[in-house]
Amino acid sequence: ITVNLQMTGLKPEDTAVYYCNAKTPDARPSFRRDYWGQGTQ
């Protein structure tokens, strides 16, 4: 139950708060779900 992001060759411009997102493929209002993590610096 995990999604990973492996980054190499990091640059100063990569500095940011990174957020995990989960959303349902069906964007219709009755089906749409969109969740966010609190972020990691």
PDB file of all heavy atoms in Angstrom:
ATOM      1  N   ILE A   1       0.842  -1.197   0.000  1.00  0.00           N
ATOM      2  CA  ILE A   1       0.000   0.000   0.000  1.00  0.00           C
ATOM      3  C   ILE A   1       0.883   1.254   0.000  1.00  0.00           C
ATOM      4  O   ILE A   1       0.674   2.191   0.765  1.00  0.00           O
ATOM      5  CB  ILE A   1      -0.956   0.016   1.214  1.00  0.00           C
ATOM      6  CG1 ILE A   1      -1.482  -1.387   1.511  1.00  0.00           C
ATOM      7  CG2 ILE A   1      -2.150   0.944   0.938  1.00  0.00           C
ATOM      8  CD1 ILE A   1      -2.333  -1.478   2.745  1.00  0.00           C
ATOM      9  N   THR A   2       1.851   1.247  -0.880  1.00  0.00           N
ATOM     10  CA  THR A   2       2.874   2.280  -0.883  1.00  0.00           C
ATOM     11  C   THR A   2       3.185   2.771  -2.284  1.00  0.00           C
ATOM     12  O   THR A   2       3.209   1.989  -3.237  1.00  0.00           O
ATOM     13  CB  THR A   2       4.173   1.746  -0.253  1.00  0.00           C
ATOM     14  OG1 THR A   2       3.917   1.329   1.091  1.00  0.00           O
ATOM     15  CG2 THR A   2       5.253   2.809  -0.235  1.00  0.00           C
ATOM     16  N   VAL A   3       3.404   4.064  -2.399  1.00  0.00           N
ATOM     17  CA  VAL A   3       3.908   4.638  -3.628  1.00  0.00           C
ATOM     18  C   VAL A   3       5.234   5.315  -3.295  1.00  0.00           C
ATOM     19  O   VAL A   3       5.357   5.969  -2.256  1.00  0.00           O
ATOM     20  CB  VAL A   3       2.910   5.634  -4.257  1.00  0.00           C
ATOM     21  CG1 VAL A   3       2.603   6.791  -3.316  1.00  0.00           C
ATOM     22  CG2 VAL A   3       3.444   6.151  -5.590  1.00  0.00           C
ATOM     23  N   ASN A   4       6.215   5.122  -4.165  1.00  0.00           N
ATOM     24  CA  ASN A   4       7.547   5.643  -3.918  1.00  0.00           C
ATOM     25  C   ASN A   4       7.979   6.587  -5.021  1.00  0.00           C
ATOM     26  O   ASN A   4       7.540   6.479  -6.166  1.00  0.00           O
ATOM     27  CB  ASN A   4       8.563   4.503  -3.821  1.00  0.00           C
ATOM     28  CG  ASN A   4       8.220   3.506  -2.751  1.00  0.00           C
ATOM     29  OD1 ASN A   4       8.042   3.863  -1.588  1.00  0.00           O
ATOM     30  ND2 ASN A   4       8.122   2.228  -3.121  1.00  0.00           N
ATOM     31  N   LEU A   5       8.839   7.495  -4.656  1.00  0.00           N
ATOM     32  CA  LEU A   5       9.464   8.384  -5.627  1.00  0.00           C
ATOM     33  C   LEU A   5      10.960   8.373  -5.367  1.00  0.00           C
ATOM     34  O   LEU A   5      11.415   8.834  -4.323  1.00  0.00           O
ATOM     35  CB  LEU A   5       8.922   9.812  -5.514  1.00  0.00           C
ATOM     36  CG  LEU A   5       9.534  10.821  -6.488  1.00  0.00           C
ATOM     37  CD1 LEU A   5       9.140  10.485  -7.930  1.00  0.00           C
ATOM     38  CD2 LEU A   5       9.103  12.245  -6.143  1.00  0.00           C
ATOM     39  N   GLN A   6      11.700   7.834  -6.315  1.00  0.00           N
ATOM     40  CA  GLN A   6      13.150   7.804  -6.234  1.00  0.00           C
ATOM     41  C   GLN A   6      13.697   8.926  -7.102  1.00  0.00           C
ATOM     42  O   GLN A   6      13.409   8.982  -8.295  1.00  0.00           O
ATOM     43  CB  GLN A   6      13.691   6.458  -6.706  1.00  0.00           C
ATOM     44  CG  GLN A   6      15.207   6.340  -6.694  1.00  0.00           C
ATOM     45  CD  GLN A   6      15.771   6.259  -5.300  1.00  0.00           C
ATOM     46  OE1 GLN A   6      15.275   5.505  -4.476  1.00  0.00           O
ATOM     47  NE2 GLN A   6      16.813   7.035  -5.027  1.00  0.00           N
ATOM     48  N   MET A   7      14.455   9.805  -6.504  1.00  0.00           N
ATOM     49  CA  MET A   7      15.037  10.917  -7.226  1.00  0.00           C
ATOM     50  C   MET A   7      16.547  10.892  -7.110  1.00  0.00           C
ATOM     51  O   MET A   7      17.095  10.649  -6.034  1.00  0.00           O
ATOM     52  CB  MET A   7      14.505  12.256  -6.717  1.00  0.00           C
ATOM     53  CG  MET A   7      13.000  12.436  -6.858  1.00  0.00           C
ATOM     54  SD  MET A   7      12.451  14.108  -6.428  1.00  0.00           S
ATOM     55  CE  MET A   7      13.158  15.056  -7.786  1.00  0.00           C
ATOM     56  N   THR A   8      17.191  11.129  -8.220  1.00  0.00           N
ATOM     57  CA  THR A   8      18.643  11.207  -8.257  1.00  0.00           C
ATOM     58  C   THR A   8      19.052  12.517  -8.892  1.00  0.00           C
ATOM     59  O   THR A   8      18.244  13.213  -9.502  1.00  0.00           O
ATOM     60  CB  THR A   8      19.244  10.031  -9.052  1.00  0.00           C
ATOM     61  OG1 THR A   8      18.761  10.066 -10.404  1.00  0.00           O
ATOM     62  CG2 THR A   8      18.857   8.701  -8.432  1.00  0.00           C
ATOM     63  N   GLY A   9      20.319  12.837  -8.756  1.00  0.00           N
ATOM     64  CA  GLY A   9      20.806  14.079  -9.324  1.00  0.00           C
ATOM     65  C   GLY A   9      20.022  15.284  -8.840  1.00  0.00           C
ATOM     66  O   GLY A   9      19.654  16.158  -9.632  1.00  0.00           O
ATOM     67  N   LEU A  10      19.781  15.324  -7.556  1.00  0.00           N
ATOM     68  CA  LEU A  10      18.960  16.394  -6.986  1.00  0.00           C
ATOM     69  C   LEU A  10      19.604  17.760  -7.181  1.00  0.00           C
ATOM     70  O   LEU A  10      20.828  17.911  -7.119  1.00  0.00           O
ATOM     71  CB  LEU A  10      18.708  16.133  -5.511  1.00  0.00           C
ATOM     72  CG  LEU A  10      17.714  15.004  -5.224  1.00  0.00           C
ATOM     73  CD1 LEU A  10      17.810  14.560  -3.781  1.00  0.00           C
ATOM     74  CD2 LEU A  10      16.296  15.462  -5.546  1.00  0.00           C
ATOM     75  N   LYS A  11      18.748  18.734  -7.405  1.00  0.00           N
ATOM     76  CA  LYS A  11      19.174  20.099  -7.640  1.00  0.00           C
ATOM     77  C   LYS A  11      18.541  21.018  -6.599  1.00  0.00           C
ATOM     78  O   LYS A  11      17.491  20.692  -6.050  1.00  0.00           O
ATOM     79  CB  LYS A  11      18.761  20.555  -9.037  1.00  0.00           C
ATOM     80  CG  LYS A  11      19.234  19.645 -10.158  1.00  0.00           C
ATOM     81  CD  LYS A  11      18.652  20.078 -11.492  1.00  0.00           C
ATOM     82  CE  LYS A  11      19.090  19.155 -12.613  1.00  0.00           C
ATOM     83  NZ  LYS A  11      18.510  19.569 -13.921  1.00  0.00           N
ATOM     84  N   PRO A  12      19.151  22.156  -6.339  1.00  0.00           N
ATOM     85  CA  PRO A  12      18.552  23.099  -5.386  1.00  0.00           C
ATOM     86  C   PRO A  12      17.114  23.461  -5.741  1.00  0.00           C
ATOM     87  O   PRO A  12      16.302  23.683  -4.843  1.00  0.00           O
ATOM     88  CB  PRO A  12      19.471  24.321  -5.473  1.00  0.00           C
ATOM     89  CG  PRO A  12      20.799  23.746  -5.821  1.00  0.00           C
ATOM     90  CD  PRO A  12      20.490  22.617  -6.772  1.00  0.00           C
ATOM     91  N   GLU A  13      16.793  23.513  -7.020  1.00  0.00           N
ATOM     92  CA  GLU A  13      15.445  23.843  -7.433  1.00  0.00           C
ATOM     93  C   GLU A  13      14.436  22.739  -7.138  1.00  0.00           C
ATOM     94  O   GLU A  13      13.234  22.929  -7.322  1.00  0.00           O
ATOM     95  CB  GLU A  13      15.394  24.211  -8.927  1.00  0.00           C
ATOM     96  CG  GLU A  13      16.093  23.208  -9.821  1.00  0.00           C
ATOM     97  CD  GLU A  13      17.506  23.642 -10.180  1.00  0.00           C
ATOM     98  OE1 GLU A  13      18.238  24.073  -9.267  1.00  0.00           O
ATOM     99  OE2 GLU A  13      17.876  23.548 -11.373  1.00  0.00           O
ATOM    100  N   ASP A  14      14.916  21.593  -6.695  1.00  0.00           N
ATOM    101  CA  ASP A  14      14.021  20.534  -6.252  1.00  0.00           C
ATOM    102  C   ASP A  14      13.519  20.777  -4.838  1.00  0.00           C
ATOM    103  O   ASP A  14      12.639  20.059  -4.361  1.00  0.00           O
ATOM    104  CB  ASP A  14      14.722  19.173  -6.309  1.00  0.00           C
ATOM    105  CG  ASP A  14      15.022  18.722  -7.730  1.00  0.00           C
ATOM    106  OD1 ASP A  14      14.170  18.943  -8.618  1.00  0.00           O
ATOM    107  OD2 ASP A  14      16.101  18.141  -7.949  1.00  0.00           O
ATOM    108  N   THR A  15      14.081  21.757  -4.175  1.00  0.00           N
ATOM    109  CA  THR A  15      13.671  22.078  -2.820  1.00  0.00           C
ATOM    110  C   THR A  15      12.208  22.486  -2.788  1.00  0.00           C
ATOM    111  O   THR A  15      11.783  23.404  -3.494  1.00  0.00           O
ATOM    112  CB  THR A  15      14.534  23.209  -2.243  1.00  0.00           C
ATOM    113  OG1 THR A  15      15.894  22.768  -2.149  1.00  0.00           O
ATOM    114  CG2 THR A  15      14.048  23.603  -0.861  1.00  0.00           C
ATOM    115  N   ALA A  16      11.439  21.804  -1.979  1.00  0.00           N
ATOM    116  CA  ALA A  16      10.010  22.058  -1.893  1.00  0.00           C
ATOM    117  C   ALA A  16       9.403  21.130  -0.848  1.00  0.00           C
ATOM    118  O   ALA A  16      10.062  20.222  -0.345  1.00  0.00           O
ATOM    119  CB  ALA A  16       9.326  21.834  -3.244  1.00  0.00           C
ATOM    120  N   VAL A  17       8.158  21.386  -0.541  1.00  0.00           N
ATOM    121  CA  VAL A  17       7.387  20.435   0.239  1.00  0.00           C
ATOM    122  C   VAL A  17       6.748  19.467  -0.744  1.00  0.00           C
ATOM    123  O   VAL A  17       6.085  19.883  -1.688  1.00  0.00           O
ATOM    124  CB  VAL A  17       6.303  21.124   1.088  1.00  0.00           C
ATOM    125  CG1 VAL A  17       5.469  20.088   1.833  1.00  0.00           C
ATOM    126  CG2 VAL A  17       6.942  22.089   2.075  1.00  0.00           C
ATOM    127  N   TYR A  18       6.969  18.201  -0.524  1.00  0.00           N
ATOM    128  CA  TYR A  18       6.450  17.180  -1.409  1.00  0.00           C
ATOM    129  C   TYR A  18       5.215  16.528  -0.796  1.00  0.00           C
ATOM    130  O   TYR A  18       5.216  16.133   0.369  1.00  0.00           O
ATOM    131  CB  TYR A  18       7.513  16.119  -1.684  1.00  0.00           C
ATOM    132  CG  TYR A  18       8.576  16.586  -2.646  1.00  0.00           C
ATOM    133  CD1 TYR A  18       9.479  17.583  -2.292  1.00  0.00           C
ATOM    134  CD2 TYR A  18       8.665  16.034  -3.926  1.00  0.00           C
ATOM    135  CE1 TYR A  18      10.442  18.030  -3.182  1.00  0.00           C
ATOM    136  CE2 TYR A  18       9.627  16.471  -4.823  1.00  0.00           C
ATOM    137  CZ  TYR A  18      10.514  17.472  -4.444  1.00  0.00           C
ATOM    138  OH  TYR A  18      11.467  17.902  -5.336  1.00  0.00           O
ATOM    139  N   TYR A  19       4.177  16.420  -1.615  1.00  0.00           N
ATOM    140  CA  TYR A  19       2.903  15.896  -1.154  1.00  0.00           C
ATOM    141  C   TYR A  19       2.516  14.634  -1.906  1.00  0.00           C
ATOM    142  O   TYR A  19       2.627  14.572  -3.130  1.00  0.00           O
ATOM    143  CB  TYR A  19       1.789  16.924  -1.349  1.00  0.00           C
ATOM    144  CG  TYR A  19       1.956  18.196  -0.555  1.00  0.00           C
ATOM    145  CD1 TYR A  19       2.643  19.282  -1.084  1.00  0.00           C
ATOM    146  CD2 TYR A  19       1.411  18.307   0.724  1.00  0.00           C
ATOM    147  CE1 TYR A  19       2.791  20.452  -0.363  1.00  0.00           C
ATOM    148  CE2 TYR A  19       1.552  19.474   1.451  1.00  0.00           C
ATOM    149  CZ  TYR A  19       2.242  20.545   0.900  1.00  0.00           C
ATOM    150  OH  TYR A  19       2.385  21.707   1.620  1.00  0.00           O
ATOM    151  N   CYS A  20       2.044  13.686  -1.175  1.00  0.00           N
ATOM    152  CA  CYS A  20       1.494  12.476  -1.758  1.00  0.00           C
ATOM    153  C   CYS A  20       0.019  12.697  -2.061  1.00  0.00           C
ATOM    154  O   CYS A  20      -0.704  13.303  -1.268  1.00  0.00           O
ATOM    155  CB  CYS A  20       1.672  11.311  -0.792  1.00  0.00           C
ATOM    156  SG  CYS A  20       1.038   9.728  -1.386  1.00  0.00           S
ATOM    157  N   ASN A  21      -0.420  12.215  -3.200  1.00  0.00           N
ATOM    158  CA  ASN A  21      -1.801  12.395  -3.613  1.00  0.00           C
ATOM    159  C   ASN A  21      -2.411  11.085  -4.075  1.00  0.00           C
ATOM    160  O   ASN A  21      -1.757  10.281  -4.736  1.00  0.00           O
ATOM    161  CB  ASN A  21      -1.880  13.432  -4.741  1.00  0.00           C
ATOM    162  CG  ASN A  21      -3.259  13.522  -5.360  1.00  0.00           C
ATOM    163  OD1 ASN A  21      -3.491  13.036  -6.462  1.00  0.00           O
ATOM    164  ND2 ASN A  21      -4.182  14.166  -4.649  1.00  0.00           N
ATOM    165  N   ALA A  22      -3.665  10.902  -3.733  1.00  0.00           N
ATOM    166  CA  ALA A  22      -4.431   9.755  -4.202  1.00  0.00           C
ATOM    167  C   ALA A  22      -5.752  10.254  -4.757  1.00  0.00           C
ATOM    168  O   ALA A  22      -6.440  11.042  -4.114  1.00  0.00           O
ATOM    169  CB  ALA A  22      -4.674   8.772  -3.063  1.00  0.00           C
ATOM    170  N   LYS A  23      -6.095   9.816  -5.943  1.00  0.00           N
ATOM    171  CA  LYS A  23      -7.352  10.220  -6.544  1.00  0.00           C
ATOM    172  C   LYS A  23      -7.930   9.106  -7.382  1.00  0.00           C
ATOM    173  O   LYS A  23      -7.205   8.293  -7.954  1.00  0.00           O
ATOM    174  CB  LYS A  23      -7.179  11.490  -7.383  1.00  0.00           C
ATOM    175  CG  LYS A  23      -6.273  11.338  -8.592  1.00  0.00           C
ATOM    176  CD  LYS A  23      -6.152  12.655  -9.347  1.00  0.00           C
ATOM    177  CE  LYS A  23      -5.234  12.524 -10.550  1.00  0.00           C
ATOM    178  NZ  LYS A  23      -5.072  13.825 -11.253  1.00  0.00           N
ATOM    179  N   THR A  24      -9.240   9.088  -7.454  1.00  0.00           N
ATOM    180  CA  THR A  24      -9.918   8.100  -8.270  1.00  0.00           C
ATOM    181  C   THR A  24      -9.829   8.489  -9.731  1.00  0.00           C
ATOM    182  O   THR A  24      -9.940   9.668 -10.078  1.00  0.00           O
ATOM    183  CB  THR A  24     -11.385   7.969  -7.863  1.00  0.00           C
ATOM    184  OG1 THR A  24     -11.980   9.273  -7.796  1.00  0.00           O
ATOM    185  CG2 THR A  24     -11.516   7.296  -6.511  1.00  0.00           C
ATOM    186  N   PRO A  25      -9.626   7.529 -10.620  1.00  0.00           N
ATOM    187  CA  PRO A  25      -9.561   7.831 -12.054  1.00  0.00           C
ATOM    188  C   PRO A  25     -10.840   8.462 -12.588  1.00  0.00           C
ATOM    189  O   PRO A  25     -10.780   9.289 -13.498  1.00  0.00           O
ATOM    190  CB  PRO A  25      -9.322   6.454 -12.686  1.00  0.00           C
ATOM    191  CG  PRO A  25      -8.662   5.657 -11.605  1.00  0.00           C
ATOM    192  CD  PRO A  25      -9.316   6.126 -10.338  1.00  0.00           C
ATOM    193  N   ASP A  26     -11.984   8.094 -12.048  1.00  0.00           N
ATOM    194  CA  ASP A  26     -13.257   8.656 -12.455  1.00  0.00           C
ATOM    195  C   ASP A  26     -13.446  10.008 -11.785  1.00  0.00           C
ATOM    196  O   ASP A  26     -13.598  10.089 -10.563  1.00  0.00           O
ATOM    197  CB  ASP A  26     -14.393   7.707 -12.079  1.00  0.00           C
ATOM    198  CG  ASP A  26     -15.704   8.060 -12.761  1.00  0.00           C
ATOM    199  OD1 ASP A  26     -15.885   9.223 -13.161  1.00  0.00           O
ATOM    200  OD2 ASP A  26     -16.562   7.171 -12.887  1.00  0.00           O
ATOM    201  N   ALA A  27     -13.435  11.074 -12.590  1.00  0.00           N
ATOM    202  CA  ALA A  27     -13.480  12.431 -12.063  1.00  0.00           C
ATOM    203  C   ALA A  27     -14.890  12.977 -11.868  1.00  0.00           C
ATOM    204  O   ALA A  27     -15.049  14.127 -11.447  1.00  0.00           O
ATOM    205  CB  ALA A  27     -12.688  13.367 -12.973  1.00  0.00           C
ATOM    206  N   ARG A  28     -15.889  12.211 -12.190  1.00  0.00           N
ATOM    207  CA  ARG A  28     -17.254  12.665 -11.975  1.00  0.00           C
ATOM    208  C   ARG A  28     -17.483  12.929 -10.499  1.00  0.00           C
ATOM    209  O   ARG A  28     -17.031  12.166  -9.645  1.00  0.00           O
ATOM    210  CB  ARG A  28     -18.256  11.631 -12.497  1.00  0.00           C
ATOM    211  CG  ARG A  28     -18.282  11.515 -14.017  1.00  0.00           C
ATOM    212  CD  ARG A  28     -19.238  10.428 -14.476  1.00  0.00           C
ATOM    213  NE  ARG A  28     -18.753   9.108 -14.116  1.00  0.00           N
ATOM    214  CZ  ARG A  28     -19.412   7.977 -14.363  1.00  0.00           C
ATOM    215  NH1 ARG A  28     -20.596   8.030 -14.953  1.00  0.00           N
ATOM    216  NH2 ARG A  28     -18.885   6.821 -14.017  1.00  0.00           N
ATOM    217  N   PRO A  29     -18.193  14.013 -10.179  1.00  0.00           N
ATOM    218  CA  PRO A  29     -18.372  14.402  -8.777  1.00  0.00           C
ATOM    219  C   PRO A  29     -18.855  13.289  -7.860  1.00  0.00           C
ATOM    220  O   PRO A  29     -18.407  13.198  -6.711  1.00  0.00           O
ATOM    221  CB  PRO A  29     -19.403  15.536  -8.869  1.00  0.00           C
ATOM    222  CG  PRO A  29     -19.162  16.137 -10.217  1.00  0.00           C
ATOM    223  CD  PRO A  29     -18.834  14.962 -11.100  1.00  0.00           C
ATOM    224  N   SER A  30     -19.747  12.449  -8.355  1.00  0.00           N
ATOM    225  CA  SER A  30     -20.291  11.393  -7.517  1.00  0.00           C
ATOM    226  C   SER A  30     -19.287  10.288  -7.231  1.00  0.00           C
ATOM    227  O   SER A  30     -19.480   9.496  -6.298  1.00  0.00           O
ATOM    228  CB  SER A  30     -21.551  10.802  -8.153  1.00  0.00           C
ATOM    229  OG  SER A  30     -21.266  10.253  -9.432  1.00  0.00           O
ATOM    230  N   PHE A  31     -18.220  10.228  -8.023  1.00  0.00           N
ATOM    231  CA  PHE A  31     -17.214   9.190  -7.850  1.00  0.00           C
ATOM    232  C   PHE A  31     -15.858   9.726  -7.412  1.00  0.00           C
ATOM    233  O   PHE A  31     -15.009   8.956  -6.953  1.00  0.00           O
ATOM    234  CB  PHE A  31     -17.029   8.399  -9.147  1.00  0.00           C
ATOM    235  CG  PHE A  31     -18.234   7.605  -9.553  1.00  0.00           C
ATOM    236  CD1 PHE A  31     -19.121   8.103 -10.484  1.00  0.00           C
ATOM    237  CD2 PHE A  31     -18.478   6.357  -8.998  1.00  0.00           C
ATOM    238  CE1 PHE A  31     -20.235   7.374 -10.867  1.00  0.00           C
ATOM    239  CE2 PHE A  31     -19.579   5.618  -9.366  1.00  0.00           C
ATOM    240  CZ  PHE A  31     -20.467   6.130 -10.307  1.00  0.00           C
ATOM    241  N   ARG A  32     -15.670  11.010  -7.550  1.00  0.00           N
ATOM    242  CA  ARG A  32     -14.365  11.596  -7.318  1.00  0.00           C
ATOM    243  C   ARG A  32     -13.944  11.539  -5.861  1.00  0.00           C
ATOM    244  O   ARG A  32     -14.693  11.899  -4.960  1.00  0.00           O
ATOM    245  CB  ARG A  32     -14.354  13.055  -7.783  1.00  0.00           C
ATOM    246  CG  ARG A  32     -12.988  13.732  -7.684  1.00  0.00           C
ATOM    247  CD  ARG A  32     -12.010  13.091  -8.646  1.00  0.00           C
ATOM    248  NE  ARG A  32     -10.815  13.899  -8.816  1.00  0.00           N
ATOM    249  CZ  ARG A  32      -9.822  13.600  -9.635  1.00  0.00           C
ATOM    250  NH1 ARG A  32      -9.881  12.507 -10.378  1.00  0.00           N
ATOM    251  NH2 ARG A  32      -8.766  14.403  -9.726  1.00  0.00           N
ATOM    252  N   ARG A  33     -12.726  11.099  -5.664  1.00  0.00           N
ATOM    253  CA  ARG A  33     -12.083  11.127  -4.365  1.00  0.00           C
ATOM    254  C   ARG A  33     -10.684  11.676  -4.567  1.00  0.00           C
ATOM    255  O   ARG A  33      -9.985  11.298  -5.502  1.00  0.00           O
ATOM    256  CB  ARG A  33     -12.013   9.735  -3.727  1.00  0.00           C
ATOM    257  CG  ARG A  33     -13.358   9.067  -3.513  1.00  0.00           C
ATOM    258  CD  ARG A  33     -14.158   9.759  -2.427  1.00  0.00           C
ATOM    259  NE  ARG A  33     -15.388   9.022  -2.134  1.00  0.00           N
ATOM    260  CZ  ARG A  33     -16.539   9.186  -2.784  1.00  0.00           C
ATOM    261  NH1 ARG A  33     -16.621  10.085  -3.763  1.00  0.00           N
ATOM    262  NH2 ARG A  33     -17.599   8.468  -2.447  1.00  0.00           N
ATOM    263  N   ASP A  34     -10.286  12.566  -3.696  1.00  0.00           N
ATOM    264  CA  ASP A  34      -9.007  13.238  -3.841  1.00  0.00           C
ATOM    265  C   ASP A  34      -8.427  13.481  -2.451  1.00  0.00           C
ATOM    266  O   ASP A  34      -8.982  14.253  -1.674  1.00  0.00           O
ATOM    267  CB  ASP A  34      -9.197  14.563  -4.589  1.00  0.00           C
ATOM    268  CG  ASP A  34      -7.905  15.112  -5.163  1.00  0.00           C
ATOM    269  OD1 ASP A  34      -6.819  14.609  -4.826  1.00  0.00           O
ATOM    270  OD2 ASP A  34      -7.983  16.071  -5.966  1.00  0.00           O
ATOM    271  N   TYR A  35      -7.331  12.827  -2.164  1.00  0.00           N
ATOM    272  CA  TYR A  35      -6.732  12.915  -0.839  1.00  0.00           C
ATOM    273  C   TYR A  35      -5.277  13.342  -0.922  1.00  0.00           C
ATOM    274  O   TYR A  35      -4.580  13.054  -1.900  1.00  0.00           O
ATOM    275  CB  TYR A  35      -6.828  11.569  -0.119  1.00  0.00           C
ATOM    276  CG  TYR A  35      -8.229  11.045   0.009  1.00  0.00           C
ATOM    277  CD1 TYR A  35      -8.665   9.988  -0.774  1.00  0.00           C
ATOM    278  CD2 TYR A  35      -9.126  11.618   0.912  1.00  0.00           C
ATOM    279  CE1 TYR A  35      -9.954   9.501  -0.664  1.00  0.00           C
ATOM    280  CE2 TYR A  35     -10.423  11.143   1.018  1.00  0.00           C
ATOM    281  CZ  TYR A  35     -10.832  10.083   0.232  1.00  0.00           C
ATOM    282  OH  TYR A  35     -12.119   9.612   0.346  1.00  0.00           O
ATOM    283  N   TRP A  36      -4.846  14.017   0.123  1.00  0.00           N
ATOM    284  CA  TRP A  36      -3.496  14.545   0.179  1.00  0.00           C
ATOM    285  C   TRP A  36      -2.823  14.209   1.497  1.00  0.00           C
ATOM    286  O   TRP A  36      -3.461  14.180   2.550  1.00  0.00           O
ATOM    287  CB  TRP A  36      -3.506  16.069   0.030  1.00  0.00           C
ATOM    288  CG  TRP A  36      -3.987  16.541  -1.304  1.00  0.00           C
ATOM    289  CD1 TRP A  36      -5.276  16.797  -1.661  1.00  0.00           C
ATOM    290  CD2 TRP A  36      -3.181  16.807  -2.453  1.00  0.00           C
ATOM    291  NE1 TRP A  36      -5.324  17.211  -2.973  1.00  0.00           N
ATOM    292  CE2 TRP A  36      -4.060  17.227  -3.477  1.00  0.00           C
ATOM    293  CE3 TRP A  36      -1.816  16.744  -2.718  1.00  0.00           C
ATOM    294  CZ2 TRP A  36      -3.601  17.578  -4.751  1.00  0.00           C
ATOM    295  CZ3 TRP A  36      -1.365  17.094  -3.973  1.00  0.00           C
ATOM    296  CH2 TRP A  36      -2.256  17.504  -4.980  1.00  0.00           C
ATOM    297  N   GLY A  37      -1.532  13.981   1.417  1.00  0.00           N
ATOM    298  CA  GLY A  37      -0.750  13.852   2.615  1.00  0.00           C
ATOM    299  C   GLY A  37      -0.434  15.230   3.170  1.00  0.00           C
ATOM    300  O   GLY A  37      -0.717  16.251   2.546  1.00  0.00           O
ATOM    301  N   GLN A  38       0.162  15.267   4.334  1.00  0.00           N
ATOM    302  CA  GLN A  38       0.466  16.548   4.956  1.00  0.00           C
ATOM    303  C   GLN A  38       1.745  17.176   4.423  1.00  0.00           C
ATOM    304  O   GLN A  38       2.017  18.344   4.701  1.00  0.00           O
ATOM    305  CB  GLN A  38       0.555  16.395   6.470  1.00  0.00           C
ATOM    306  CG  GLN A  38       1.659  15.473   6.956  1.00  0.00           C
ATOM    307  CD  GLN A  38       1.663  15.334   8.466  1.00  0.00           C
ATOM    308  OE1 GLN A  38       1.210  16.226   9.183  1.00  0.00           O
ATOM    309  NE2 GLN A  38       2.166  14.217   8.950  1.00  0.00           N
ATOM    310  N   GLY A  39       2.511  16.434   3.684  1.00  0.00           N
ATOM    311  CA  GLY A  39       3.708  16.958   3.060  1.00  0.00           C
ATOM    312  C   GLY A  39       4.975  16.634   3.824  1.00  0.00           C
ATOM    313  O   GLY A  39       4.967  16.521   5.046  1.00  0.00           O
ATOM    314  N   THR A  40       6.046  16.497   3.092  1.00  0.00           N
ATOM    315  CA  THR A  40       7.353  16.280   3.689  1.00  0.00           C
ATOM    316  C   THR A  40       8.357  17.209   3.014  1.00  0.00           C
ATOM    317  O   THR A  40       8.380  17.342   1.795  1.00  0.00           O
ATOM    318  CB  THR A  40       7.795  14.803   3.565  1.00  0.00           C
ATOM    319  OG1 THR A  40       9.047  14.617   4.224  1.00  0.00           O
ATOM    320  CG2 THR A  40       7.931  14.371   2.109  1.00  0.00           C
ATOM    321  N   GLN A  41       9.155  17.862   3.822  1.00  0.00           N
ATOM    322  CA  GLN A  41      10.092  18.855   3.309  1.00  0.00           C
ATOM    323  C   GLN A  41      11.319  18.190   2.701  1.00  0.00           C
ATOM    324  O   GLN A  41      11.947  17.330   3.325  1.00  0.00           O
ATOM    325  CB  GLN A  41      10.522  19.805   4.426  1.00  0.00           C
ATOM    326  CG  GLN A  41      11.564  20.841   4.008  1.00  0.00           C
ATOM    327  CD  GLN A  41      11.007  21.900   3.090  1.00  0.00           C
ATOM    328  OE1 GLN A  41       9.941  22.462   3.361  1.00  0.00           O
ATOM    329  NE2 GLN A  41      11.708  22.177   2.000  1.00  0.00           N
TER     330      GLN A  41
END
